[in-house]
Amino acid sequence: MTDASDSPRSDENASPQTRREAGEARRAAGGHDTGPALQSHLRAARSELEGHVAQARADFEEANERIKERTGRDLILAILIGLAIGLVLLGSLLFVKWAFVPFALAAAMLAIFEFSRALVASGRRVDLIPQLIAGAVVVLSAFFVDSWLHWVLLFVALAFVVVWRLVGQMASHDGRTYGLVLGDVLIATFIQLYVAFLGSLTLVLLAKDGGEWWVLSFIIVAVAVDTGAYAAGITMGKHPMAPRISPKKTWEGFAGAGAAAILAGVLVGLFMLGLEWWMGAVFGILILATATVGDLGESMIKRDLGIKDMSSWLPGHGGVLDRLDSILLSVVAALTLYYLFTPLVAS
């Protein structure tokens, strides 16, 4: 009686008494079996993820190479450098107005330097140091002195570089022909007018009441023109716009630039300049025209010099002047519209 009744109790005490204990017992019993399987599953998932990442990277690099082959630009570097310049530009204009002055001066000096170097390489005589001194005076005077004195200093700078070139030519005694000397003199004045004077107009606009917003706005629209032309030209470009000047520019790219310019003009006009929508559209159309002419004009200069870019200082973009070509002429349109639209908005 005692043995028969005690045996079942012994079995019950040896087995789990609750569901929790039963679950723990099952996990303990199966732990040695699921560990390697879980690790194998994780390794397979990791390998699959690495494969997808490698494929995506290969596809991106292939697309970037196709774009680079078609346009001659490295898309990744171009985007990174463009973002860096944009951040500096925004910081200088939005926080401290005068902080844009050294930014503009540095850009003008670098553009004069690389333009002068390209001209010297083509056989022209360019006096670099006088060009830099005159350019700095023209650019800085636009912000720090009255407008009449700015014009006076511009003519002084032009006379300075012309006289320096003539004296330098007389001192050289190299038998250079009259036509070449005249060409050197005209080029000396052209550098000042094209780079220094047009660049100084940006600071003239900056010095106006609310001018920092106008400077930022016209640069945004000019960048939108370049971006729209680039995107539309890459995806749809088939019909060359000016094959003798710039073979890679197409009418499809120009259409994309026009759409981007009008959209950007309306947006910056409404939200940054306080203009009516139609004023913003006019703003975008004029910047489109000046940016396109400026871009084609610099392309014509480079073709005449036999070079692709003014320099390689900005990978993916070329030189500083290659980035300023659409901006230098656009500031004329922006300054003109400031004088036209500001009284209308104020009234």
C-alpha atoms as a PDB file:
ATOM      1  CA  MET A   1       0.000   0.000   0.000  1.00  0.00           C
ATOM      2  CA  THR A   2       2.752   2.370   0.956  1.00  0.00           C
ATOM      3  CA  ASP A   3       4.902   1.604  -2.132  1.00  0.00           C
ATOM      4  CA  ALA A   4       2.011   1.862  -4.528  1.00  0.00           C
ATOM      5  CA  SER A   5       0.898   5.196  -3.188  1.00  0.00           C
ATOM      6  CA  ASP A   6       4.369   6.772  -2.916  1.00  0.00           C
ATOM      7  CA  SER A   7       5.572   5.963  -6.445  1.00  0.00           C
ATOM      8  CA  PRO A   8       3.348   8.419  -8.323  1.00  0.00           C
ATOM      9  CA  ARG A   9       4.290  11.242  -5.931  1.00  0.00           C
ATOM     10  CA  SER A  10       7.944  10.627  -6.654  1.00  0.00           C
ATOM     11  CA  ASP A  11       7.320  10.969 -10.403  1.00  0.00           C
ATOM     12  CA  GLU A  12       5.341  14.149  -9.922  1.00  0.00           C
ATOM     13  CA  ASN A  13       8.073  15.747  -7.836  1.00  0.00           C
ATOM     14  CA  ALA A  14      10.649  14.939 -10.528  1.00  0.00           C
ATOM     15  CA  SER A  15       8.648  16.659 -13.336  1.00  0.00           C
ATOM     16  CA  PRO A  16       8.036  20.477 -13.803  1.00  0.00           C
ATOM     17  CA  GLN A  17       5.198  21.775 -11.683  1.00  0.00           C
ATOM     18  CA  THR A  18       4.246  24.947 -13.675  1.00  0.00           C
ATOM     19  CA  ARG A  19       3.982  26.149 -17.318  1.00  0.00           C
ATOM     20  CA  ARG A  20       6.817  28.626 -16.767  1.00  0.00           C
ATOM     21  CA  GLU A  21       9.118  25.887 -15.567  1.00  0.00           C
ATOM     22  CA  ALA A  22       8.033  23.709 -18.486  1.00  0.00           C
ATOM     23  CA  GLY A  23       8.845  26.510 -20.973  1.00  0.00           C
ATOM     24  CA  GLU A  24      12.238  27.098 -19.388  1.00  0.00           C
ATOM     25  CA  ALA A  25      12.934  23.403 -19.539  1.00  0.00           C
ATOM     26  CA  ARG A  26      12.055  23.281 -23.255  1.00  0.00           C
ATOM     27  CA  ARG A  27      14.210  26.325 -24.042  1.00  0.00           C
ATOM     28  CA  ALA A  28      17.076  24.814 -22.075  1.00  0.00           C
ATOM     29  CA  ALA A  29      16.680  21.543 -23.908  1.00  0.00           C
ATOM     30  CA  GLY A  30      16.513  23.191 -27.374  1.00  0.00           C
ATOM     31  CA  GLY A  31      19.064  26.002 -26.807  1.00  0.00           C
ATOM     32  CA  HIS A  32      21.965  23.989 -28.117  1.00  0.00           C
ATOM     33  CA  ASP A  33      20.039  23.255 -31.319  1.00  0.00           C
ATOM     34  CA  THR A  34      18.756  26.808 -32.199  1.00  0.00           C
ATOM     35  CA  GLY A  35      22.000  28.771 -31.498  1.00  0.00           C
ATOM     36  CA  PRO A  36      23.942  27.681 -34.632  1.00  0.00           C
ATOM     37  CA  ALA A  37      20.821  27.992 -36.772  1.00  0.00           C
ATOM     38  CA  LEU A  38      20.257  31.566 -35.615  1.00  0.00           C
ATOM     39  CA  GLN A  39      23.877  32.516 -36.290  1.00  0.00           C
ATOM     40  CA  SER A  40      23.684  30.959 -39.741  1.00  0.00           C
ATOM     41  CA  HIS A  41      20.517  32.947 -40.479  1.00  0.00           C
ATOM     42  CA  LEU A  42      22.162  36.190 -39.357  1.00  0.00           C
ATOM     43  CA  ARG A  43      25.220  35.540 -41.524  1.00  0.00           C
ATOM     44  CA  ALA A  44      23.002  34.872 -44.524  1.00  0.00           C
ATOM     45  CA  ALA A  45      21.015  38.086 -43.920  1.00  0.00           C
ATOM     46  CA  ARG A  46      24.242  40.074 -43.551  1.00  0.00           C
ATOM     47  CA  SER A  47      25.653  38.649 -46.758  1.00  0.00           C
ATOM     48  CA  GLU A  48      22.448  39.474 -48.592  1.00  0.00           C
ATOM     49  CA  LEU A  49      22.494  43.063 -47.274  1.00  0.00           C
ATOM     50  CA  GLU A  50      26.140  43.511 -48.283  1.00  0.00           C
ATOM     51  CA  GLY A  51      25.289  42.196 -51.733  1.00  0.00           C
ATOM     52  CA  HIS A  52      22.462  44.736 -52.133  1.00  0.00           C
ATOM     53  CA  VAL A  53      24.710  47.585 -50.949  1.00  0.00           C
ATOM     54  CA  ALA A  54      27.499  46.535 -53.331  1.00  0.00           C
ATOM     55  CA  GLN A  55      25.050  46.317 -56.236  1.00  0.00           C
ATOM     56  CA  ALA A  56      23.556  49.729 -55.448  1.00  0.00           C
ATOM     57  CA  ARG A  57      27.041  51.226 -55.242  1.00  0.00           C
ATOM     58  CA  ALA A  58      28.036  49.638 -58.545  1.00  0.00           C
ATOM     59  CA  ASP A  59      24.858  50.948 -60.220  1.00  0.00           C
ATOM     60  CA  PHE A  60      25.480  54.448 -58.846  1.00  0.00           C
ATOM     61  CA  GLU A  61      29.118  54.456 -59.965  1.00  0.00           C
ATOM     62  CA  GLU A  62      28.077  53.236 -63.418  1.00  0.00           C
ATOM     63  CA  ALA A  63      25.482  56.012 -63.699  1.00  0.00           C
ATOM     64  CA  ASN A  64      28.031  58.548 -62.459  1.00  0.00           C
ATOM     65  CA  GLU A  65      30.548  57.385 -65.062  1.00  0.00           C
ATOM     66  CA  ARG A  66      27.945  57.751 -67.814  1.00  0.00           C
ATOM     67  CA  ILE A  67      27.174  61.285 -66.637  1.00  0.00           C
ATOM     68  CA  LYS A  68      30.879  62.081 -66.373  1.00  0.00           C
ATOM     69  CA  GLU A  69      31.494  60.715 -69.873  1.00  0.00           C
ATOM     70  CA  ARG A  70      28.690  62.836 -71.300  1.00  0.00           C
ATOM     71  CA  THR A  71      29.327  66.070 -69.407  1.00  0.00           C
ATOM     72  CA  GLY A  72      32.945  65.774 -68.296  1.00  0.00           C
ATOM     73  CA  ARG A  73      31.925  66.401 -64.664  1.00  0.00           C
ATOM     74  CA  ASP A  74      32.167  64.242 -61.539  1.00  0.00           C
ATOM     75  CA  LEU A  75      28.645  64.355 -60.155  1.00  0.00           C
ATOM     76  CA  ILE A  76      29.505  63.396 -56.560  1.00  0.00           C
ATOM     77  CA  LEU A  77      32.287  65.939 -56.167  1.00  0.00           C
ATOM     78  CA  ALA A  78      30.221  68.597 -57.899  1.00  0.00           C
ATOM     79  CA  ILE A  79      27.350  68.112 -55.453  1.00  0.00           C
ATOM     80  CA  LEU A  80      29.592  68.087 -52.367  1.00  0.00           C
ATOM     81  CA  ILE A  81      31.516  71.199 -53.401  1.00  0.00           C
ATOM     82  CA  GLY A  82      28.313  72.961 -54.411  1.00  0.00           C
ATOM     83  CA  LEU A  83      26.775  72.239 -51.001  1.00  0.00           C
ATOM     84  CA  ALA A  84      29.885  73.513 -49.201  1.00  0.00           C
ATOM     85  CA  ILE A  85      29.897  76.763 -51.190  1.00  0.00           C
ATOM     86  CA  GLY A  86      26.162  77.130 -50.636  1.00  0.00           C
ATOM     87  CA  LEU A  87      26.528  76.803 -46.861  1.00  0.00           C
ATOM     88  CA  VAL A  88      29.248  79.461 -46.780  1.00  0.00           C
ATOM     89  CA  LEU A  89      27.109  81.714 -48.959  1.00  0.00           C
ATOM     90  CA  LEU A  90      24.039  81.292 -46.776  1.00  0.00           C
ATOM     91  CA  GLY A  91      26.002  81.868 -43.591  1.00  0.00           C
ATOM     92  CA  SER A  92      27.593  85.057 -44.893  1.00  0.00           C
ATOM     93  CA  LEU A  93      24.325  86.543 -46.167  1.00  0.00           C
ATOM     94  CA  LEU A  94      21.809  85.502 -43.523  1.00  0.00           C
ATOM     95  CA  PHE A  95      23.710  86.163 -40.302  1.00  0.00           C
ATOM     96  CA  VAL A  96      26.181  89.030 -40.856  1.00  0.00           C
ATOM     97  CA  LYS A  97      25.671  91.103 -43.976  1.00  0.00           C
ATOM     98  CA  TRP A  98      29.226  92.383 -44.305  1.00  0.00           C
ATOM     99  CA  ALA A  99      30.618  88.835 -43.984  1.00  0.00           C
ATOM    100  CA  PHE A 100      29.747  88.356 -47.651  1.00  0.00           C
ATOM    101  CA  VAL A 101      32.316  91.027 -48.607  1.00  0.00           C
ATOM    102  CA  PRO A 102      35.459  88.877 -48.026  1.00  0.00           C
ATOM    103  CA  PHE A 103      33.663  85.963 -49.715  1.00  0.00           C
ATOM    104  CA  ALA A 104      33.008  88.075 -52.830  1.00  0.00           C
ATOM    105  CA  LEU A 105      36.517  89.550 -52.755  1.00  0.00           C
ATOM    106  CA  ALA A 106      38.132  86.110 -52.560  1.00  0.00           C
ATOM    107  CA  ALA A 107      36.001  84.826 -55.447  1.00  0.00           C
ATOM    108  CA  ALA A 108      36.908  87.843 -57.611  1.00  0.00           C
ATOM    109  CA  MET A 109      40.631  87.571 -56.838  1.00  0.00           C
ATOM    110  CA  LEU A 110      40.711  83.858 -57.640  1.00  0.00           C
ATOM    111  CA  ALA A 111      38.775  84.439 -60.874  1.00  0.00           C
ATOM    112  CA  ILE A 112      41.176  87.209 -61.935  1.00  0.00           C
ATOM    113  CA  PHE A 113      44.151  84.993 -61.114  1.00  0.00           C
ATOM    114  CA  GLU A 114      42.985  81.968 -63.097  1.00  0.00           C
ATOM    115  CA  PHE A 115      41.741  84.097 -66.020  1.00  0.00           C
ATOM    116  CA  SER A 116      45.096  85.929 -66.185  1.00  0.00           C
ATOM    117  CA  ARG A 117      46.988  82.647 -66.021  1.00  0.00           C
ATOM    118  CA  ALA A 118      44.917  81.191 -68.865  1.00  0.00           C
ATOM    119  CA  LEU A 119      45.567  84.295 -70.974  1.00  0.00           C
ATOM    120  CA  VAL A 120      49.311  84.149 -70.307  1.00  0.00           C
ATOM    121  CA  ALA A 121      49.340  80.486 -71.324  1.00  0.00           C
ATOM    122  CA  SER A 122      47.752  81.493 -74.645  1.00  0.00           C
ATOM    123  CA  GLY A 123      50.550  83.995 -75.354  1.00  0.00           C
ATOM    124  CA  ARG A 124      49.029  87.212 -74.000  1.00  0.00           C
ATOM    125  CA  ARG A 125      50.865  89.639 -71.737  1.00  0.00           C
ATOM    126  CA  VAL A 126      48.964  90.118 -68.462  1.00  0.00           C
ATOM    127  CA  ASP A 127      50.385  91.874 -65.387  1.00  0.00           C
ATOM    128  CA  LEU A 128      48.990  89.756 -62.570  1.00  0.00           C
ATOM    129  CA  ILE A 129      49.866  91.833 -59.506  1.00  0.00           C
ATOM    130  CA  PRO A 130      48.484  95.127 -60.922  1.00  0.00           C
ATOM    131  CA  GLN A 131      45.350  93.258 -62.002  1.00  0.00           C
ATOM    132  CA  LEU A 132      44.823  91.886 -58.486  1.00  0.00           C
ATOM    133  CA  ILE A 133      45.444  95.282 -56.862  1.00  0.00           C
ATOM    134  CA  ALA A 134      43.081  97.097 -59.225  1.00  0.00           C
ATOM    135  CA  GLY A 135      40.450  94.371 -58.884  1.00  0.00           C
ATOM    136  CA  ALA A 136      40.542  94.521 -55.079  1.00  0.00           C
ATOM    137  CA  VAL A 137      40.084  98.309 -55.149  1.00  0.00           C
ATOM    138  CA  VAL A 138      37.111  98.081 -57.522  1.00  0.00           C
ATOM    139  CA  VAL A 139      35.386  95.312 -55.567  1.00  0.00           C
ATOM    140  CA  LEU A 140      35.859  96.787 -52.086  1.00  0.00           C
ATOM    141  CA  SER A 141      34.924 100.324 -53.118  1.00  0.00           C
ATOM    142  CA  ALA A 142      31.505  99.066 -54.199  1.00  0.00           C
ATOM    143  CA  PHE A 143      30.553  98.377 -50.586  1.00  0.00           C
ATOM    144  CA  PHE A 144      32.513 100.920 -48.563  1.00  0.00           C
ATOM    145  CA  VAL A 145      32.299 104.174 -50.571  1.00  0.00           C
ATOM    146  CA  ASP A 146      29.613 106.202 -52.310  1.00  0.00           C
ATOM    147  CA  SER A 147      28.520 105.195 -55.786  1.00  0.00           C
ATOM    148  CA  TRP A 148      30.148 108.190 -57.492  1.00  0.00           C
ATOM    149  CA  LEU A 149      33.508 107.381 -55.918  1.00  0.00           C
ATOM    150  CA  HIS A 150      33.118 103.757 -56.939  1.00  0.00           C
ATOM    151  CA  TRP A 151      32.841 104.870 -60.574  1.00  0.00           C
ATOM    152  CA  VAL A 152      35.865 107.143 -60.196  1.00  0.00           C
ATOM    153  CA  LEU A 153      37.944 104.317 -58.738  1.00  0.00           C
ATOM    154  CA  LEU A 154      36.855 102.046 -61.592  1.00  0.00           C
ATOM    155  CA  PHE A 155      38.264 104.470 -64.173  1.00  0.00           C
ATOM    156  CA  VAL A 156      41.413 104.881 -62.072  1.00  0.00           C
ATOM    157  CA  ALA A 157      41.832 101.096 -61.969  1.00  0.00           C
ATOM    158  CA  LEU A 158      41.399 100.836 -65.747  1.00  0.00           C
ATOM    159  CA  ALA A 159      43.964 103.581 -66.322  1.00  0.00           C
ATOM    160  CA  PHE A 160      46.316 101.913 -63.851  1.00  0.00           C
ATOM    161  CA  VAL A 161      46.380  98.526 -65.614  1.00  0.00           C
ATOM    162  CA  VAL A 162      46.637 100.149 -69.069  1.00  0.00           C
ATOM    163  CA  VAL A 163      49.567 102.388 -68.127  1.00  0.00           C
ATOM    164  CA  TRP A 164      51.321  99.521 -66.349  1.00  0.00           C
ATOM    165  CA  ARG A 165      51.016  97.331 -69.432  1.00  0.00           C
ATOM    166  CA  LEU A 166      52.301 100.066 -71.763  1.00  0.00           C
ATOM    167  CA  VAL A 167      55.259 100.873 -69.515  1.00  0.00           C
ATOM    168  CA  GLY A 168      56.016  97.191 -69.154  1.00  0.00           C
ATOM    169  CA  GLN A 169      55.926  96.757 -72.913  1.00  0.00           C
ATOM    170  CA  MET A 170      58.261  99.719 -73.475  1.00  0.00           C
ATOM    171  CA  ALA A 171      60.682  98.347 -70.902  1.00  0.00           C
ATOM    172  CA  SER A 172      60.746  94.868 -72.456  1.00  0.00           C
ATOM    173  CA  HIS A 173      62.108  95.905 -75.912  1.00  0.00           C
ATOM    174  CA  ASP A 174      60.966  92.579 -77.388  1.00  0.00           C
ATOM    175  CA  GLY A 175      59.715  93.918 -80.717  1.00  0.00           C
ATOM    176  CA  ARG A 176      56.109  92.953 -80.036  1.00  0.00           C
ATOM    177  CA  THR A 177      53.849  94.183 -82.835  1.00  0.00           C
ATOM    178  CA  TYR A 178      51.425  97.064 -82.444  1.00  0.00           C
ATOM    179  CA  GLY A 179      48.423  94.780 -82.901  1.00  0.00           C
ATOM    180  CA  LEU A 180      49.541  92.445 -80.121  1.00  0.00           C
ATOM    181  CA  VAL A 181      50.238  95.349 -77.764  1.00  0.00           C
ATOM    182  CA  LEU A 182      46.804  96.818 -78.458  1.00  0.00           C
ATOM    183  CA  GLY A 183      45.282  93.407 -77.802  1.00  0.00           C
ATOM    184  CA  ASP A 184      47.116  93.175 -74.464  1.00  0.00           C
ATOM    185  CA  VAL A 185      45.805  96.598 -73.441  1.00  0.00           C
ATOM    186  CA  LEU A 186      42.228  95.690 -74.348  1.00  0.00           C
ATOM    187  CA  ILE A 187      42.518  92.418 -72.463  1.00  0.00           C
ATOM    188  CA  ALA A 188      43.838  94.251 -69.387  1.00  0.00           C
ATOM    189  CA  THR A 189      40.727  96.439 -69.327  1.00  0.00           C
ATOM    190  CA  PHE A 190      38.437  93.514 -70.139  1.00  0.00           C
ATOM    191  CA  ILE A 191      39.594  91.577 -67.064  1.00  0.00           C
ATOM    192  CA  GLN A 192      38.696  94.505 -64.846  1.00  0.00           C
ATOM    193  CA  LEU A 193      35.327  95.123 -66.455  1.00  0.00           C
ATOM    194  CA  TYR A 194      34.302  91.472 -66.756  1.00  0.00           C
ATOM    195  CA  VAL A 195      35.428  90.127 -63.393  1.00  0.00           C
ATOM    196  CA  ALA A 196      36.111  93.012 -61.016  1.00  0.00           C
ATOM    197  CA  PHE A 197      33.407  95.489 -62.067  1.00  0.00           C
ATOM    198  CA  LEU A 198      30.596  92.974 -62.572  1.00  0.00           C
ATOM    199  CA  GLY A 199      31.590  91.285 -59.323  1.00  0.00           C
ATOM    200  CA  SER A 200      31.538  94.656 -57.554  1.00  0.00           C
ATOM    201  CA  LEU A 201      27.922  95.187 -58.593  1.00  0.00           C
ATOM    202  CA  THR A 202      27.024  92.304 -56.298  1.00  0.00           C
ATOM    203  CA  LEU A 203      28.321  94.366 -53.376  1.00  0.00           C
ATOM    204  CA  VAL A 204      26.501  97.439 -54.693  1.00  0.00           C
ATOM    205  CA  LEU A 205      23.285  95.419 -54.469  1.00  0.00           C
ATOM    206  CA  LEU A 206      24.293  94.014 -51.085  1.00  0.00           C
ATOM    207  CA  ALA A 207      24.725  97.511 -49.643  1.00  0.00           C
ATOM    208  CA  LYS A 208      21.114  98.392 -50.442  1.00  0.00           C
ATOM    209  CA  ASP A 209      18.349  98.113 -47.860  1.00  0.00           C
ATOM    210  CA  GLY A 210      17.440  94.418 -47.868  1.00  0.00           C
ATOM    211  CA  GLY A 211      20.104  93.849 -50.499  1.00  0.00           C
ATOM    212  CA  GLU A 212      21.268  90.604 -48.936  1.00  0.00           C
ATOM    213  CA  TRP A 213      17.925  89.019 -49.864  1.00  0.00           C
ATOM    214  CA  TRP A 214      18.238  90.228 -53.445  1.00  0.00           C
ATOM    215  CA  VAL A 215      21.777  88.856 -53.714  1.00  0.00           C
ATOM    216  CA  LEU A 216      20.696  85.510 -52.307  1.00  0.00           C
ATOM    217  CA  SER A 217      17.627  85.434 -54.561  1.00  0.00           C
ATOM    218  CA  PHE A 218      19.366  86.078 -57.858  1.00  0.00           C
ATOM    219  CA  ILE A 219      22.097  83.546 -56.996  1.00  0.00           C
ATOM    220  CA  ILE A 220      19.408  80.951 -56.184  1.00  0.00           C
ATOM    221  CA  VAL A 221      17.729  81.568 -59.538  1.00  0.00           C
ATOM    222  CA  ALA A 222      21.082  81.421 -61.381  1.00  0.00           C
ATOM    223  CA  VAL A 223      21.879  78.106 -59.683  1.00  0.00           C
ATOM    224  CA  ALA A 224      18.388  76.859 -60.594  1.00  0.00           C
ATOM    225  CA  VAL A 225      19.115  77.739 -64.230  1.00  0.00           C
ATOM    226  CA  ASP A 226      22.325  75.691 -64.185  1.00  0.00           C
ATOM    227  CA  THR A 227      20.672  72.785 -62.367  1.00  0.00           C
ATOM    228  CA  GLY A 228      17.603  72.720 -64.619  1.00  0.00           C
ATOM    229  CA  ALA A 229      19.745  72.843 -67.743  1.00  0.00           C
ATOM    230  CA  TYR A 230      21.999  70.082 -66.435  1.00  0.00           C
ATOM    231  CA  ALA A 231      19.156  67.754 -65.431  1.00  0.00           C
ATOM    232  CA  ALA A 232      17.109  68.259 -68.597  1.00  0.00           C
ATOM    233  CA  GLY A 233      20.178  68.072 -70.825  1.00  0.00           C
ATOM    234  CA  ILE A 234      21.315  64.788 -69.284  1.00  0.00           C
ATOM    235  CA  THR A 235      17.922  63.109 -69.492  1.00  0.00           C
ATOM    236  CA  MET A 236      16.444  64.536 -72.695  1.00  0.00           C
ATOM    237  CA  GLY A 237      19.113  66.561 -74.501  1.00  0.00           C
ATOM    238  CA  LYS A 238      19.285  65.762 -78.233  1.00  0.00           C
ATOM    239  CA  HIS A 239      19.325  69.045 -80.152  1.00  0.00           C
ATOM    240  CA  PRO A 240      22.499  71.167 -79.737  1.00  0.00           C
ATOM    241  CA  MET A 241      21.871  74.779 -78.854  1.00  0.00           C
ATOM    242  CA  ALA A 242      25.209  76.314 -79.866  1.00  0.00           C
ATOM    243  CA  PRO A 243      27.433  73.504 -81.190  1.00  0.00           C
ATOM    244  CA  ARG A 244      30.289  75.790 -82.209  1.00  0.00           C
ATOM    245  CA  ILE A 245      30.474  77.434 -78.793  1.00  0.00           C
ATOM    246  CA  SER A 246      29.388  74.719 -76.368  1.00  0.00           C
ATOM    247  CA  PRO A 247      28.495  71.391 -78.031  1.00  0.00           C
ATOM    248  CA  LYS A 248      26.975  69.861 -74.874  1.00  0.00           C
ATOM    249  CA  LYS A 249      24.332  72.548 -74.386  1.00  0.00           C
ATOM    250  CA  THR A 250      20.974  71.579 -75.855  1.00  0.00           C
ATOM    251  CA  TRP A 251      17.599  73.194 -76.431  1.00  0.00           C
ATOM    252  CA  GLU A 252      16.047  70.613 -74.119  1.00  0.00           C
ATOM    253  CA  GLY A 253      18.459  71.749 -71.424  1.00  0.00           C
ATOM    254  CA  PHE A 254      17.494  75.366 -72.074  1.00  0.00           C
ATOM    255  CA  ALA A 255      13.821  74.449 -71.690  1.00  0.00           C
ATOM    256  CA  GLY A 256      14.589  72.785 -68.365  1.00  0.00           C
ATOM    257  CA  ALA A 257      16.550  75.861 -67.310  1.00  0.00           C
ATOM    258  CA  GLY A 258      13.603  78.088 -68.243  1.00  0.00           C
ATOM    259  CA  ALA A 259      11.124  76.073 -66.203  1.00  0.00           C
ATOM    260  CA  ALA A 260      13.470  76.013 -63.198  1.00  0.00           C
ATOM    261  CA  ALA A 261      14.188  79.747 -63.496  1.00  0.00           C
ATOM    262  CA  ILE A 262      10.532  80.809 -63.599  1.00  0.00           C
ATOM    263  CA  LEU A 263       9.604  78.518 -60.704  1.00  0.00           C
ATOM    264  CA  ALA A 264      12.549  79.691 -58.597  1.00  0.00           C
ATOM    265  CA  GLY A 265      11.883  83.332 -59.520  1.00  0.00           C
ATOM    266  CA  VAL A 266       8.251  83.160 -58.429  1.00  0.00           C
ATOM    267  CA  LEU A 267       9.147  81.404 -55.163  1.00  0.00           C
ATOM    268  CA  VAL A 268      11.956  83.753 -54.128  1.00  0.00           C
ATOM    269  CA  GLY A 269       9.880  86.729 -55.252  1.00  0.00           C
ATOM    270  CA  LEU A 270       6.934  85.747 -53.059  1.00  0.00           C
ATOM    271  CA  PHE A 271       8.736  84.443 -49.974  1.00  0.00           C
ATOM    272  CA  MET A 272      12.033  86.369 -49.904  1.00  0.00           C
ATOM    273  CA  LEU A 273      11.559  89.652 -51.760  1.00  0.00           C
ATOM    274  CA  GLY A 274       7.889  90.397 -51.149  1.00  0.00           C
ATOM    275  CA  LEU A 275       7.132  90.722 -54.877  1.00  0.00           C
ATOM    276  CA  GLU A 276       4.005  89.898 -56.816  1.00  0.00           C
ATOM    277  CA  TRP A 277       4.050  86.545 -58.592  1.00  0.00           C
ATOM    278  CA  TRP A 278       4.392  88.147 -62.022  1.00  0.00           C
ATOM    279  CA  MET A 279       7.363  90.178 -60.806  1.00  0.00           C
ATOM    280  CA  GLY A 280       8.978  86.951 -59.663  1.00  0.00           C
ATOM    281  CA  ALA A 281       8.329  85.423 -63.091  1.00  0.00           C
ATOM    282  CA  VAL A 282       9.964  88.429 -64.776  1.00  0.00           C
ATOM    283  CA  PHE A 283      12.852  88.120 -62.328  1.00  0.00           C
ATOM    284  CA  GLY A 284      13.326  84.466 -63.290  1.00  0.00           C
ATOM    285  CA  ILE A 285      13.103  85.116 -67.043  1.00  0.00           C
ATOM    286  CA  LEU A 286      15.686  87.917 -66.965  1.00  0.00           C
ATOM    287  CA  ILE A 287      18.094  85.865 -64.846  1.00  0.00           C
ATOM    288  CA  LEU A 288      17.591  82.986 -67.291  1.00  0.00           C
ATOM    289  CA  ALA A 289      18.591  85.255 -70.185  1.00  0.00           C
ATOM    290  CA  THR A 290      21.638  86.786 -68.488  1.00  0.00           C
ATOM    291  CA  ALA A 291      22.823  83.481 -67.011  1.00  0.00           C
ATOM    292  CA  THR A 292      22.594  81.768 -70.400  1.00  0.00           C
ATOM    293  CA  VAL A 293      24.415  84.584 -72.190  1.00  0.00           C
ATOM    294  CA  GLY A 294      27.062  84.659 -69.470  1.00  0.00           C
ATOM    295  CA  ASP A 295      27.574  80.907 -69.672  1.00  0.00           C
ATOM    296  CA  LEU A 296      27.838  80.929 -73.457  1.00  0.00           C
ATOM    297  CA  GLY A 297      30.108  83.979 -73.372  1.00  0.00           C
ATOM    298  CA  GLU A 298      32.598  82.308 -71.052  1.00  0.00           C
ATOM    299  CA  SER A 299      32.424  79.136 -73.143  1.00  0.00           C
ATOM    300  CA  MET A 300      33.337  81.207 -76.189  1.00  0.00           C
ATOM    301  CA  ILE A 301      36.318  82.686 -74.322  1.00  0.00           C
ATOM    302  CA  LYS A 302      37.532  79.232 -73.310  1.00  0.00           C
ATOM    303  CA  ARG A 303      37.112  77.920 -76.841  1.00  0.00           C
ATOM    304  CA  ASP A 304      39.160  80.849 -78.131  1.00  0.00           C
ATOM    305  CA  LEU A 305      41.857  80.070 -75.539  1.00  0.00           C
ATOM    306  CA  GLY A 306      41.727  76.361 -76.380  1.00  0.00           C
ATOM    307  CA  ILE A 307      40.898  75.176 -72.854  1.00  0.00           C
ATOM    308  CA  LYS A 308      38.039  73.237 -71.296  1.00  0.00           C
ATOM    309  CA  ASP A 309      38.042  74.894 -67.854  1.00  0.00           C
ATOM    310  CA  MET A 310      39.691  78.008 -66.449  1.00  0.00           C
ATOM    311  CA  SER A 311      41.302  75.825 -63.771  1.00  0.00           C
ATOM    312  CA  SER A 312      40.760  72.609 -61.807  1.00  0.00           C
ATOM    313  CA  TRP A 313      40.458  74.217 -58.378  1.00  0.00           C
ATOM    314  CA  LEU A 314      36.840  73.100 -57.936  1.00  0.00           C
ATOM    315  CA  PRO A 315      36.661  69.391 -58.893  1.00  0.00           C
ATOM    316  CA  GLY A 316      33.429  68.642 -60.692  1.00  0.00           C
ATOM    317  CA  HIS A 317      32.956  72.333 -61.522  1.00  0.00           C
ATOM    318  CA  GLY A 318      36.206  73.492 -63.116  1.00  0.00           C
ATOM    319  CA  GLY A 319      37.486  76.872 -62.006  1.00  0.00           C
ATOM    320  CA  VAL A 320      36.070  79.730 -59.967  1.00  0.00           C
ATOM    321  CA  LEU A 321      35.258  81.730 -63.092  1.00  0.00           C
ATOM    322  CA  ASP A 322      33.459  78.683 -64.492  1.00  0.00           C
ATOM    323  CA  ARG A 323      31.040  79.001 -61.549  1.00  0.00           C
ATOM    324  CA  LEU A 324      30.783  82.785 -61.773  1.00  0.00           C
ATOM    325  CA  ASP A 325      30.071  82.974 -65.502  1.00  0.00           C
ATOM    326  CA  SER A 326      26.284  82.904 -65.080  1.00  0.00           C
ATOM    327  CA  ILE A 327      26.362  85.036 -61.917  1.00  0.00           C
ATOM    328  CA  LEU A 328      28.499  87.960 -63.091  1.00  0.00           C
ATOM    329  CA  LEU A 329      26.105  89.039 -65.815  1.00  0.00           C
ATOM    330  CA  SER A 330      22.988  88.158 -63.805  1.00  0.00           C
ATOM    331  CA  VAL A 331      23.796  90.729 -61.138  1.00  0.00           C
ATOM    332  CA  VAL A 332      23.154  93.438 -63.742  1.00  0.00           C
ATOM    333  CA  ALA A 333      19.593  92.154 -64.194  1.00  0.00           C
ATOM    334  CA  ALA A 334      19.090  91.783 -60.448  1.00  0.00           C
ATOM    335  CA  LEU A 335      20.305  95.333 -59.703  1.00  0.00           C
ATOM    336  CA  THR A 336      18.117  96.746 -62.476  1.00  0.00           C
ATOM    337  CA  LEU A 337      15.035  94.957 -61.158  1.00  0.00           C
ATOM    338  CA  TYR A 338      15.804  96.147 -57.634  1.00  0.00           C
ATOM    339  CA  TYR A 339      15.575  99.746 -58.800  1.00  0.00           C
ATOM    340  CA  LEU A 340      12.403  99.009 -60.807  1.00  0.00           C
ATOM    341  CA  PHE A 341      10.452  96.779 -58.405  1.00  0.00           C
ATOM    342  CA  THR A 342      11.350  98.207 -54.994  1.00  0.00           C
ATOM    343  CA  PRO A 343       9.365 101.472 -55.515  1.00  0.00           C
ATOM    344  CA  LEU A 344       6.400  99.459 -56.821  1.00  0.00           C
ATOM    345  CA  VAL A 345       6.367  97.167 -53.809  1.00  0.00           C
ATOM    346  CA  ALA A 346       6.839 100.082 -51.395  1.00  0.00           C
ATOM    347  CA  SER A 347       3.862 101.942 -52.869  1.00  0.00           C
END
